[in-house]
Each structure stands twice: as C-alpha cells, then as structure tokens.
PDB file of N, CA and C in Angstrom:
ATOM      1  N   GLN A   1      96.893  85.689  72.542  1.00  0.00           N
ATOM      2  CA  GLN A   1      96.238  87.122  72.525  1.00  0.00           C
ATOM      3  C   GLN A   1      96.745  88.129  73.863  1.00  0.00           C
ATOM      4  N   GLY A   2      97.658  88.905  73.991  1.00  0.00           N
ATOM      5  CA  GLY A   2      98.070  89.501  74.841  1.00  0.00           C
ATOM      6  C   GLY A   2      97.279  91.094  74.890  1.00  0.00           C
ATOM      7  N   CYS A   3      97.351  91.691  75.976  1.00  0.00           N
ATOM      8  CA  CYS A   3      96.726  92.937  75.990  1.00  0.00           C
ATOM      9  C   CYS A   3      97.960  93.902  76.166  1.00  0.00           C
ATOM     10  N   ALA A   4      97.774  94.932  75.760  1.00  0.00           N
ATOM     11  CA  ALA A   4      98.579  96.107  75.950  1.00  0.00           C
ATOM     12  C   ALA A   4      98.310  96.582  76.837  1.00  0.00           C
ATOM     13  N   ALA A   5      99.355  97.253  77.681  1.00  0.00           N
ATOM     14  CA  ALA A   5      98.933  98.098  78.872  1.00  0.00           C
ATOM     15  C   ALA A   5      98.778  99.490  78.584  1.00  0.00           C
ATOM     16  N   ALA A   6      97.820 100.071  78.879  1.00  0.00           N
ATOM     17  CA  ALA A   6      97.423 101.372  78.565  1.00  0.00           C
ATOM     18  C   ALA A   6      98.112 102.353  79.810  1.00  0.00           C
ATOM     19  N   PRO A   7      98.430 103.610  79.160  1.00  0.00           N
ATOM     20  CA  PRO A   7      99.097 104.205  80.381  1.00  0.00           C
ATOM     21  C   PRO A   7      97.749 104.796  81.044  1.00  0.00           C
ATOM     22  N   LEU A   8      98.502 104.899  82.346  1.00  0.00           N
ATOM     23  CA  LEU A   8      97.528 105.376  83.465  1.00  0.00           C
ATOM     24  C   LEU A   8      97.915 106.787  83.909  1.00  0.00           C
ATOM     25  N   ILE A   9      96.892 107.702  83.847  1.00  0.00           N
ATOM     26  CA  ILE A   9      97.085 108.941  84.240  1.00  0.00           C
ATOM     27  C   ILE A   9      96.353 109.310  85.270  1.00  0.00           C
ATOM     28  N   LEU A  10      96.875 109.907  86.215  1.00  0.00           N
ATOM     29  CA  LEU A  10      95.799 110.302  87.314  1.00  0.00           C
ATOM     30  C   LEU A  10      95.416 111.728  87.325  1.00  0.00           C
ATOM     31  N   VAL A  11      94.617 111.985  87.602  1.00  0.00           N
ATOM     32  CA  VAL A  11      93.802 113.662  87.304  1.00  0.00           C
ATOM     33  C   VAL A  11      93.361 113.902  88.520  1.00  0.00           C
ATOM     34  N   GLY A  12      93.917 115.157  88.872  1.00  0.00           N
ATOM     35  CA  GLY A  12      93.514 115.986  89.912  1.00  0.00           C
ATOM     36  C   GLY A  12      92.885 117.064  89.834  1.00  0.00           C
ATOM     37  N   THR A  13      92.971 117.789  90.597  1.00  0.00           N
ATOM     38  CA  THR A  13      92.223 119.421  90.497  1.00  0.00           C
ATOM     39  C   THR A  13      93.117 120.156  89.803  1.00  0.00           C
ATOM     40  N   ALA A  14      94.612 119.965  89.664  1.00  0.00           N
ATOM     41  CA  ALA A  14      95.305 120.976  88.971  1.00  0.00           C
ATOM     42  C   ALA A  14      95.375 120.270  87.512  1.00  0.00           C
ATOM     43  N   GLY A  15      94.670 119.367  87.225  1.00  0.00           N
ATOM     44  CA  GLY A  15      94.896 118.704  86.063  1.00  0.00           C
ATOM     45  C   GLY A  15      95.686 117.525  86.050  1.00  0.00           C
ATOM     46  N   ILE A  16      96.304 117.208  84.925  1.00  0.00           N
ATOM     47  CA  ILE A  16      97.177 115.788  84.801  1.00  0.00           C
ATOM     48  C   ILE A  16      98.336 115.923  85.790  1.00  0.00           C
ATOM     49  N   VAL A  17      98.295 115.176  86.791  1.00  0.00           N
ATOM     50  CA  VAL A  17      99.511 115.327  87.790  1.00  0.00           C
ATOM     51  C   VAL A  17     100.090 114.105  88.236  1.00  0.00           C
ATOM     52  N   GLY A  18      99.779 112.854  87.630  1.00  0.00           N
ATOM     53  CA  GLY A  18      99.972 111.849  88.174  1.00  0.00           C
ATOM     54  C   GLY A  18     101.560 110.919  87.158  1.00  0.00           C
ATOM     55  N   GLY A  19     101.307 111.529  86.037  1.00  0.00           N
ATOM     56  CA  GLY A  19     102.446 111.011  85.094  1.00  0.00           C
ATOM     57  C   GLY A  19     101.986 109.805  84.313  1.00  0.00           C
ATOM     58  N   VAL A  20     102.601 108.997  83.435  1.00  0.00           N
ATOM     59  CA  VAL A  20     102.203 108.072  82.879  1.00  0.00           C
ATOM     60  C   VAL A  20     103.370 106.829  83.017  1.00  0.00           C
ATOM     61  N   ALA A  21     102.352 105.476  83.251  1.00  0.00           N
ATOM     62  CA  ALA A  21     103.301 104.495  83.587  1.00  0.00           C
ATOM     63  C   ALA A  21     103.893 103.951  82.559  1.00  0.00           C
ATOM     64  N   ILE A  22     105.213 103.687  82.476  1.00  0.00           N
ATOM     65  CA  ILE A  22     105.811 103.233  81.470  1.00  0.00           C
ATOM     66  C   ILE A  22     106.339 101.757  81.661  1.00  0.00           C
ATOM     67  N   SER A  23     105.941 101.295  82.896  1.00  0.00           N
ATOM     68  CA  SER A  23     106.233  99.734  83.235  1.00  0.00           C
ATOM     69  C   SER A  23     105.474  99.457  84.657  1.00  0.00           C
ATOM     70  N   GLU A  24     105.488  98.266  84.767  1.00  0.00           N
ATOM     71  CA  GLU A  24     104.685  98.073  85.713  1.00  0.00           C
ATOM     72  C   GLU A  24     105.192  98.410  87.296  1.00  0.00           C
ATOM     73  N   ASP A  25     106.264  99.243  87.383  1.00  0.00           N
ATOM     74  CA  ASP A  25     106.830  99.984  88.637  1.00  0.00           C
ATOM     75  C   ASP A  25     107.256 101.098  88.719  1.00  0.00           C
ATOM     76  N   THR A  26     106.983 101.861  87.375  1.00  0.00           N
ATOM     77  CA  THR A  26     107.644 103.281  87.016  1.00  0.00           C
ATOM     78  C   THR A  26     106.695 103.996  86.499  1.00  0.00           C
ATOM     79  N   VAL A  27     106.827 105.258  86.830  1.00  0.00           N
ATOM     80  CA  VAL A  27     105.790 106.449  86.557  1.00  0.00           C
ATOM     81  C   VAL A  27     106.736 107.633  85.878  1.00  0.00           C
ATOM     82  N   GLN A  28     106.289 108.060  84.658  1.00  0.00           N
ATOM     83  CA  GLN A  28     107.220 109.204  84.125  1.00  0.00           C
ATOM     84  C   GLN A  28     106.431 110.263  83.729  1.00  0.00           C
ATOM     85  N   SER A  29     107.293 111.507  83.746  1.00  0.00           N
ATOM     86  CA  SER A  29     106.741 112.761  83.549  1.00  0.00           C
ATOM     87  C   SER A  29     107.792 113.574  82.753  1.00  0.00           C
ATOM     88  N   ASN A  30     107.142 114.427  81.924  1.00  0.00           N
ATOM     89  CA  ASN A  30     108.286 115.489  81.361  1.00  0.00           C
ATOM     90  C   ASN A  30     107.672 116.645  81.856  1.00  0.00           C
ATOM     91  N   ILE A  31     108.460 117.453  82.539  1.00  0.00           N
ATOM     92  CA  ILE A  31     108.126 118.876  83.271  1.00  0.00           C
ATOM     93  C   ILE A  31     108.788 120.277  82.545  1.00  0.00           C
ATOM     94  N   ASP A  32     107.921 121.029  82.435  1.00  0.00           N
ATOM     95  CA  ASP A  32     108.562 122.482  82.096  1.00  0.00           C
ATOM     96  C   ASP A  32     108.998 123.182  83.042  1.00  0.00           C
ATOM     97  N   THR A  33     110.028 122.773  83.954  1.00  0.00           N
ATOM     98  CA  THR A  33     110.473 123.457  85.120  1.00  0.00           C
ATOM     99  C   THR A  33     112.023 123.010  85.403  1.00  0.00           C
ATOM    100  N   ARG A  34     112.729 123.642  86.151  1.00  0.00           N
ATOM    101  CA  ARG A  34     114.042 123.432  86.395  1.00  0.00           C
ATOM    102  C   ARG A  34     114.557 122.374  87.142  1.00  0.00           C
ATOM    103  N   PHE A  35     115.370 121.781  86.792  1.00  0.00           N
ATOM    104  CA  PHE A  35     116.173 120.515  87.758  1.00  0.00           C
ATOM    105  C   PHE A  35     115.992 120.879  89.149  1.00  0.00           C
ATOM    106  N   ASP A  36     116.213 122.179  89.677  1.00  0.00           N
ATOM    107  CA  ASP A  36     116.734 122.450  91.225  1.00  0.00           C
ATOM    108  C   ASP A  36     115.349 122.292  91.698  1.00  0.00           C
ATOM    109  N   LYS A  37     114.458 122.578  91.131  1.00  0.00           N
ATOM    110  CA  LYS A  37     113.202 122.669  91.613  1.00  0.00           C
ATOM    111  C   LYS A  37     112.544 121.567  92.019  1.00  0.00           C
ATOM    112  N   VAL A  38     112.499 120.517  91.249  1.00  0.00           N
ATOM    113  CA  VAL A  38     112.140 119.411  90.953  1.00  0.00           C
ATOM    114  C   VAL A  38     113.028 118.448  92.228  1.00  0.00           C
ATOM    115  N   TRP A  39     114.221 118.675  92.029  1.00  0.00           N
ATOM    116  CA  TRP A  39     114.879 118.284  93.191  1.00  0.00           C
ATOM    117  C   TRP A  39     114.554 118.531  94.459  1.00  0.00           C
ATOM    118  N   HIS A  40     114.235 119.824  94.887  1.00  0.00           N
ATOM    119  CA  HIS A  40     113.692 120.101  96.007  1.00  0.00           C
ATOM    120  C   HIS A  40     112.254 119.588  96.515  1.00  0.00           C
ATOM    121  N   VAL A  41     111.529 119.639  95.551  1.00  0.00           N
ATOM    122  CA  VAL A  41     110.225 119.282  95.887  1.00  0.00           C
ATOM    123  C   VAL A  41     110.088 117.890  96.168  1.00  0.00           C
ATOM    124  N   ALA A  42     111.051 117.269  95.369  1.00  0.00           N
ATOM    125  CA  ALA A  42     111.034 115.619  95.638  1.00  0.00           C
ATOM    126  C   ALA A  42     111.623 115.018  96.757  1.00  0.00           C
ATOM    127  N   VAL A  43     112.673 115.776  97.447  1.00  0.00           N
ATOM    128  CA  VAL A  43     113.120 115.359  98.640  1.00  0.00           C
ATOM    129  C   VAL A  43     111.970 115.805  99.818  1.00  0.00           C
ATOM    130  N   ASN A  44     111.453 117.207  99.765  1.00  0.00           N
ATOM    131  CA  ASN A  44     110.454 117.494 100.634  1.00  0.00           C
ATOM    132  C   ASN A  44     109.359 116.311 100.922  1.00  0.00           C
ATOM    133  N   GLU A  45     108.674 116.082  99.321  1.00  0.00           N
ATOM    134  CA  GLU A  45     107.580 114.938  99.752  1.00  0.00           C
ATOM    135  C   GLU A  45     107.592 113.885 100.012  1.00  0.00           C
ATOM    136  N   ILE A  46     108.985 113.179  99.829  1.00  0.00           N
ATOM    137  CA  ILE A  46     109.411 112.092 100.453  1.00  0.00           C
ATOM    138  C   ILE A  46     109.523 112.210 101.987  1.00  0.00           C
ATOM    139  N   GLU A  47     110.020 113.015 102.324  1.00  0.00           N
ATOM    140  CA  GLU A  47     110.312 113.242 104.093  1.00  0.00           C
ATOM    141  C   GLU A  47     109.005 113.447 104.435  1.00  0.00           C
ATOM    142  N   LYS A  48     107.872 114.384 103.839  1.00  0.00           N
ATOM    143  CA  LYS A  48     106.479 114.444 104.030  1.00  0.00           C
ATOM    144  C   LYS A  48     105.765 113.115 104.397  1.00  0.00           C
ATOM    145  N   MET A  49     106.046 112.338 103.287  1.00  0.00           N
ATOM    146  CA  MET A  49     105.752 110.946 103.544  1.00  0.00           C
ATOM    147  C   MET A  49     106.245 109.964 104.325  1.00  0.00           C
ATOM    148  N   GLU A  50     106.884 110.624 105.272  1.00  0.00           N
ATOM    149  CA  GLU A  50     107.861 109.877 106.085  1.00  0.00           C
ATOM    150  C   GLU A  50     108.806 109.101 105.760  1.00  0.00           C
ATOM    151  N   GLY A  51     109.477 109.087 104.456  1.00  0.00           N
ATOM    152  CA  GLY A  51     110.356 108.072 103.800  1.00  0.00           C
ATOM    153  C   GLY A  51     111.687 108.435 104.634  1.00  0.00           C
ATOM    154  N   GLU A  52     112.411 107.351 104.245  1.00  0.00           N
ATOM    155  CA  GLU A  52     113.852 107.403 104.834  1.00  0.00           C
ATOM    156  C   GLU A  52     114.979 107.464 103.673  1.00  0.00           C
ATOM    157  N   ILE A  53     115.524 108.601 103.400  1.00  0.00           N
ATOM    158  CA  ILE A  53     116.182 108.704 102.186  1.00  0.00           C
ATOM    159  C   ILE A  53     117.573 108.028 102.323  1.00  0.00           C
ATOM    160  N   PHE A  54     118.057 107.069 101.539  1.00  0.00           N
ATOM    161  CA  PHE A  54     119.298 106.521 101.846  1.00  0.00           C
ATOM    162  C   PHE A  54     120.393 106.597 101.043  1.00  0.00           C
ATOM    163  N   LEU A  55     120.028 107.475  99.769  1.00  0.00           N
ATOM    164  CA  LEU A  55     120.842 107.958  98.683  1.00  0.00           C
ATOM    165  C   LEU A  55     120.575 109.454  98.079  1.00  0.00           C
ATOM    166  N   MET A  56     121.040 110.233  98.052  1.00  0.00           N
ATOM    167  CA  MET A  56     120.988 111.537  97.379  1.00  0.00           C
ATOM    168  C   MET A  56     122.186 111.869  96.607  1.00  0.00           C
ATOM    169  N   ASP A  57     122.068 111.865  95.604  1.00  0.00           N
ATOM    170  CA  ASP A  57     122.950 112.074  94.410  1.00  0.00           C
ATOM    171  C   ASP A  57     122.455 113.086  93.350  1.00  0.00           C
ATOM    172  N   LYS A  58     122.784 114.254  93.789  1.00  0.00           N
ATOM    173  CA  LYS A  58     122.058 115.385  92.998  1.00  0.00           C
ATOM    174  C   LYS A  58     122.883 115.458  91.510  1.00  0.00           C
ATOM    175  N   THR A  59     124.013 115.416  91.380  1.00  0.00           N
ATOM    176  CA  THR A  59     124.755 115.385  90.609  1.00  0.00           C
ATOM    177  C   THR A  59     124.287 114.521  89.339  1.00  0.00           C
ATOM    178  N   ASN A  60     123.887 113.204  89.802  1.00  0.00           N
ATOM    179  CA  ASN A  60     123.314 112.107  88.685  1.00  0.00           C
ATOM    180  C   ASN A  60     121.536 112.097  88.775  1.00  0.00           C
ATOM    181  N   GLY A  61     121.066 112.994  89.540  1.00  0.00           N
ATOM    182  CA  GLY A  61     119.647 113.172  89.802  1.00  0.00           C
ATOM    183  C   GLY A  61     118.961 112.160  90.184  1.00  0.00           C
ATOM    184  N   LEU A  62     119.652 111.313  91.150  1.00  0.00           N
ATOM    185  CA  LEU A  62     119.043 110.166  91.799  1.00  0.00           C
ATOM    186  C   LEU A  62     118.660 110.333  93.364  1.00  0.00           C
ATOM    187  N   LEU A  63     117.447 109.684  93.665  1.00  0.00           N
ATOM    188  CA  LEU A  63     117.291 109.748  95.227  1.00  0.00           C
ATOM    189  C   LEU A  63     116.749 108.437  95.341  1.00  0.00           C
ATOM    190  N   HIS A  64     117.239 107.665  96.435  1.00  0.00           N
ATOM    191  CA  HIS A  64     116.442 106.279  96.972  1.00  0.00           C
ATOM    192  C   HIS A  64     116.209 106.285  98.227  1.00  0.00           C
ATOM    193  N   ALA A  65     114.962 105.683  98.609  1.00  0.00           N
ATOM    194  CA  ALA A  65     114.146 106.149  99.763  1.00  0.00           C
ATOM    195  C   ALA A  65     113.529 104.866 100.233  1.00  0.00           C
ATOM    196  N   LYS A  66     113.233 104.766 101.481  1.00  0.00           N
ATOM    197  CA  LYS A  66     112.100 103.586 101.879  1.00  0.00           C
ATOM    198  C   LYS A  66     111.224 104.153 102.260  1.00  0.00           C
ATOM    199  N   ILE A  67     109.859 104.051 101.777  1.00  0.00           N
ATOM    200  CA  ILE A  67     108.778 104.741 102.244  1.00  0.00           C
ATOM    201  C   ILE A  67     107.792 103.380 102.736  1.00  0.00           C
ATOM    202  N   ASP A  68     107.115 103.498 104.154  1.00  0.00           N
ATOM    203  CA  ASP A  68     106.722 102.221 104.451  1.00  0.00           C
ATOM    204  C   ASP A  68     107.569 100.900 104.107  1.00  0.00           C
ATOM    205  N   SER A  69     107.432 100.206 103.238  1.00  0.00           N
ATOM    206  CA  SER A  69     107.979  98.833 103.281  1.00  0.00           C
ATOM    207  C   SER A  69     108.365  98.643 101.703  1.00  0.00           C
ATOM    208  N   SER A  70     108.312  99.847 100.967  1.00  0.00           N
ATOM    209  CA  SER A  70     108.755  99.879  99.633  1.00  0.00           C
ATOM    210  C   SER A  70     109.922 100.952  99.572  1.00  0.00           C
ATOM    211  N   VAL A  71     110.704 100.172  98.651  1.00  0.00           N
ATOM    212  CA  VAL A  71     111.914 100.787  97.830  1.00  0.00           C
ATOM    213  C   VAL A  71     111.628 101.803  96.791  1.00  0.00           C
ATOM    214  N   VAL A  72     111.665 103.184  97.017  1.00  0.00           N
ATOM    215  CA  VAL A  72     111.338 104.073  95.983  1.00  0.00           C
ATOM    216  C   VAL A  72     112.830 104.633  95.183  1.00  0.00           C
ATOM    217  N   GLN A  73     112.620 104.822  93.835  1.00  0.00           N
ATOM    218  CA  GLN A  73     113.983 105.412  93.131  1.00  0.00           C
ATOM    219  C   GLN A  73     113.385 106.593  92.447  1.00  0.00           C
ATOM    220  N   VAL A  74     113.780 107.579  92.749  1.00  0.00           N
ATOM    221  CA  VAL A  74     113.520 109.205  91.784  1.00  0.00           C
ATOM    222  C   VAL A  74     114.690 109.414  91.079  1.00  0.00           C
ATOM    223  N   THR A  75     114.194 109.374  89.932  1.00  0.00           N
ATOM    224  CA  THR A  75     115.441 110.025  88.777  1.00  0.00           C
ATOM    225  C   THR A  75     114.995 111.110  88.003  1.00  0.00           C
ATOM    226  N   ILE A  76     115.761 112.314  88.297  1.00  0.00           N
ATOM    227  CA  ILE A  76     115.409 113.353  87.582  1.00  0.00           C
ATOM    228  C   ILE A  76     116.332 113.818  86.525  1.00  0.00           C
ATOM    229  N   GLU A  77     115.911 113.954  85.421  1.00  0.00           N
ATOM    230  CA  GLU A  77     117.252 114.422  84.216  1.00  0.00           C
ATOM    231  C   GLU A  77     116.632 115.385  83.575  1.00  0.00           C
ATOM    232  N   THR A  78     117.738 116.202  83.566  1.00  0.00           N
ATOM    233  CA  THR A  78     117.632 117.330  82.576  1.00  0.00           C
ATOM    234  C   THR A  78     117.374 117.223  81.052  1.00  0.00           C
ATOM    235  N   LEU A  79     116.601 117.893  80.252  1.00  0.00           N
ATOM    236  CA  LEU A  79     116.112 117.590  79.026  1.00  0.00           C
ATOM    237  C   LEU A  79     116.581 118.831  78.090  1.00  0.00           C
ATOM    238  N   THR A  80     116.088 120.107  78.924  1.00  0.00           N
ATOM    239  CA  THR A  80     116.876 121.229  78.469  1.00  0.00           C
ATOM    240  C   THR A  80     116.817 122.420  79.626  1.00  0.00           C
ATOM    241  N   ASP A  81     117.148 123.478  79.238  1.00  0.00           N
ATOM    242  CA  ASP A  81     117.375 124.252  80.310  1.00  0.00           C
ATOM    243  C   ASP A  81     116.133 124.502  81.119  1.00  0.00           C
ATOM    244  N   LYS A  82     114.925 124.396  80.374  1.00  0.00           N
ATOM    245  CA  LYS A  82     113.803 124.784  81.214  1.00  0.00           C
ATOM    246  C   LYS A  82     112.884 123.454  81.333  1.00  0.00           C
ATOM    247  N   SER A  83     113.573 122.395  81.280  1.00  0.00           N
ATOM    248  CA  SER A  83     112.598 120.962  81.208  1.00  0.00           C
ATOM    249  C   SER A  83     113.369 119.890  81.792  1.00  0.00           C
ATOM    250  N   VAL A  84     112.576 119.089  82.265  1.00  0.00           N
ATOM    251  CA  VAL A  84     113.226 117.777  83.101  1.00  0.00           C
ATOM    252  C   VAL A  84     112.462 116.625  82.873  1.00  0.00           C
ATOM    253  N   ARG A  85     112.881 115.269  83.129  1.00  0.00           N
ATOM    254  CA  ARG A  85     112.047 114.150  82.929  1.00  0.00           C
ATOM    255  C   ARG A  85     112.148 113.662  84.339  1.00  0.00           C
ATOM    256  N   LEU A  86     111.016 113.225  85.051  1.00  0.00           N
ATOM    257  CA  LEU A  86     110.658 112.774  86.096  1.00  0.00           C
ATOM    258  C   LEU A  86     110.327 111.247  86.110  1.00  0.00           C
ATOM    259  N   LYS A  87     111.137 110.252  86.863  1.00  0.00           N
ATOM    260  CA  LYS A  87     110.818 109.013  86.736  1.00  0.00           C
ATOM    261  C   LYS A  87     110.782 108.719  88.223  1.00  0.00           C
ATOM    262  N   VAL A  88     109.769 107.648  88.633  1.00  0.00           N
ATOM    263  CA  VAL A  88     109.195 107.554  90.107  1.00  0.00           C
ATOM    264  C   VAL A  88     108.873 105.756  89.738  1.00  0.00           C
ATOM    265  N   LYS A  89     110.084 105.280  90.516  1.00  0.00           N
ATOM    266  CA  LYS A  89     110.006 103.835  90.557  1.00  0.00           C
ATOM    267  C   LYS A  89     109.693 103.178  92.044  1.00  0.00           C
ATOM    268  N   SER A  90     109.039 102.269  92.198  1.00  0.00           N
ATOM    269  CA  SER A  90     108.550 101.737  93.460  1.00  0.00           C
ATOM    270  C   SER A  90     108.365 100.287  93.437  1.00  0.00           C
ATOM    271  N   ARG A  91     108.958  99.574  94.334  1.00  0.00           N
ATOM    272  CA  ARG A  91     108.778  98.051  94.728  1.00  0.00           C
ATOM    273  C   ARG A  91     108.790  97.739  96.135  1.00  0.00           C
ATOM    274  N   ARG A  92     107.921  96.767  96.426  1.00  0.00           N
ATOM    275  CA  ARG A  92     107.735  96.509  97.748  1.00  0.00           C
ATOM    276  C   ARG A  92     107.728  94.460  97.629  1.00  0.00           C
ATOM    277  N   ASN A  93     108.911  94.481  98.678  1.00  0.00           N
ATOM    278  CA  ASN A  93     109.246  93.023  98.510  1.00  0.00           C
ATOM    279  C   ASN A  93     109.502  92.520  97.282  1.00  0.00           C
ATOM    280  N   TYR A  94     110.436  93.231  96.148  1.00  0.00           N
ATOM    281  CA  TYR A  94     110.868  92.979  94.849  1.00  0.00           C
ATOM    282  C   TYR A  94     109.619  93.054  94.081  1.00  0.00           C
ATOM    283  N   LEU A  95     108.478  93.279  94.309  1.00  0.00           N
ATOM    284  CA  LEU A  95     107.337  93.214  93.371  1.00  0.00           C
ATOM    285  C   LEU A  95     106.782  94.882  93.102  1.00  0.00           C
ATOM    286  N   PRO A  96     106.615  95.001  91.826  1.00  0.00           N
ATOM    287  CA  PRO A  96     105.765  96.515  91.692  1.00  0.00           C
ATOM    288  C   PRO A  96     105.026  96.766  92.691  1.00  0.00           C
ATOM    289  N   ASP A  97     105.337  98.356  92.773  1.00  0.00           N
ATOM    290  CA  ASP A  97     104.354  99.197  93.606  1.00  0.00           C
ATOM    291  C   ASP A  97     103.819 100.231  92.959  1.00  0.00           C
ATOM    292  N   ILE A  98     103.295 100.026  91.992  1.00  0.00           N
ATOM    293  CA  ILE A  98     102.886 101.016  91.280  1.00  0.00           C
ATOM    294  C   ILE A  98     102.146 102.301  91.550  1.00  0.00           C
ATOM    295  N   LYS A  99     101.204 101.843  92.647  1.00  0.00           N
ATOM    296  CA  LYS A  99     100.367 102.878  93.451  1.00  0.00           C
ATOM    297  C   LYS A  99     101.069 103.551  94.069  1.00  0.00           C
ATOM    298  N   LEU A 100     102.131 103.198  94.963  1.00  0.00           N
ATOM    299  CA  LEU A 100     103.035 104.302  95.525  1.00  0.00           C
ATOM    300  C   LEU A 100     103.834 105.358  94.573  1.00  0.00           C
ATOM    301  N   ALA A 101     104.380 104.696  93.322  1.00  0.00           N
ATOM    302  CA  ALA A 101     104.960 105.527  92.358  1.00  0.00           C
ATOM    303  C   ALA A 101     104.169 106.485  91.806  1.00  0.00           C
ATOM    304  N   HIS A 102     102.819 106.260  91.521  1.00  0.00           N
ATOM    305  CA  HIS A 102     101.981 107.133  91.203  1.00  0.00           C
ATOM    306  C   HIS A 102     101.440 108.059  92.453  1.00  0.00           C
ATOM    307  N   LYS A 103     101.365 107.657  93.518  1.00  0.00           N
ATOM    308  CA  LYS A 103     101.280 108.759  94.598  1.00  0.00           C
ATOM    309  C   LYS A 103     102.353 109.931  94.667  1.00  0.00           C
ATOM    310  N   LEU A 104     103.313 109.264  94.872  1.00  0.00           N
ATOM    311  CA  LEU A 104     104.743 110.074  95.021  1.00  0.00           C
ATOM    312  C   LEU A 104     104.700 111.286  93.711  1.00  0.00           C
ATOM    313  N   SER A 105     104.813 110.761  92.535  1.00  0.00           N
ATOM    314  CA  SER A 105     104.868 111.270  91.480  1.00  0.00           C
ATOM    315  C   SER A 105     103.685 112.394  91.494  1.00  0.00           C
ATOM    316  N   ALA A 106     102.421 111.893  91.768  1.00  0.00           N
ATOM    317  CA  ALA A 106     101.415 113.169  91.592  1.00  0.00           C
ATOM    318  C   ALA A 106     101.551 114.284  92.956  1.00  0.00           C
ATOM    319  N   ARG A 107     102.022 113.742  93.840  1.00  0.00           N
ATOM    320  CA  ARG A 107     102.578 114.755  94.980  1.00  0.00           C
ATOM    321  C   ARG A 107     103.570 115.627  94.499  1.00  0.00           C
ATOM    322  N   ILE A 108     104.630 115.442  93.757  1.00  0.00           N
ATOM    323  CA  ILE A 108     105.799 116.059  93.493  1.00  0.00           C
ATOM    324  C   ILE A 108     105.199 116.977  92.217  1.00  0.00           C
ATOM    325  N   LEU A 109     104.547 116.538  91.302  1.00  0.00           N
ATOM    326  CA  LEU A 109     103.910 117.311  90.288  1.00  0.00           C
ATOM    327  C   LEU A 109     102.853 118.604  90.636  1.00  0.00           C
ATOM    328  N   SER A 110     102.185 117.989  91.608  1.00  0.00           N
ATOM    329  CA  SER A 110     101.031 119.092  92.081  1.00  0.00           C
ATOM    330  C   SER A 110     101.911 120.233  92.953  1.00  0.00           C
ATOM    331  N   ARG A 111     103.252 120.304  93.298  1.00  0.00           N
ATOM    332  CA  ARG A 111     103.674 121.239  94.144  1.00  0.00           C
ATOM    333  C   ARG A 111     104.795 121.929  93.190  1.00  0.00           C
ATOM    334  N   LEU A 112     104.710 121.571  91.957  1.00  0.00           N
ATOM    335  CA  LEU A 112     105.414 122.357  91.183  1.00  0.00           C
ATOM    336  C   LEU A 112     104.803 123.642  90.469  1.00  0.00           C
TER     337      LEU A 112
END
C-alpha cells in the first residue's frame, strides 16, 4: 500500500506563489507572463540568495547555480507568446532539496 504524493503548494500573501511539486526535487508553475521577465527575475533572485550561477543558457532557458551547498537547476520554457513554464529543481549532496526548490520558486513567482 503506497501513498500517492500530494502536490505541495505554498501560499503567501499574494496567493499561490510556490508552484506544485512534480517530483521529490522539482517544483513547477505555469505563468502568464513573458519569458524575458521570468529569466530576469530568476537571475536576480538567485543572486539575492547569494547563489553562484555557473551556467546561463538563455537560448534554452537554463540556469544552473549553487546556493549554499545545493545545486539548483531553473528551466524556463515558453508555452505561448504570453505564458511560460517554470521548473526549479534542487539537490544537496545528490539528495532532493525540495525546500530550497519551493523557496526559490516562491521568490521568483512573488516578483512577477
């Protein structure tokens, strides 16, 4: 008898801002805004969290960074002209760090 993982949603003062956990290390959100805005906010939020960005591939919507001792991967995928899918994945010592994935996702979404 296994238990199905329920989606985890963080709720802040601006409404739902944390995204949905789609795996043990990844949070996903679909957002009605343009790619460039999400990209800019994601880069700024990683820097504000004192993260070290070691891969910036805007063409493919990929950011890889180290925040504290966790490796974070941010993927931004264009869905339509005015909407994108944001995925934030975080692992610490090869293990899932969903707490950091939610935190970064919430910070990005709250500034859009």
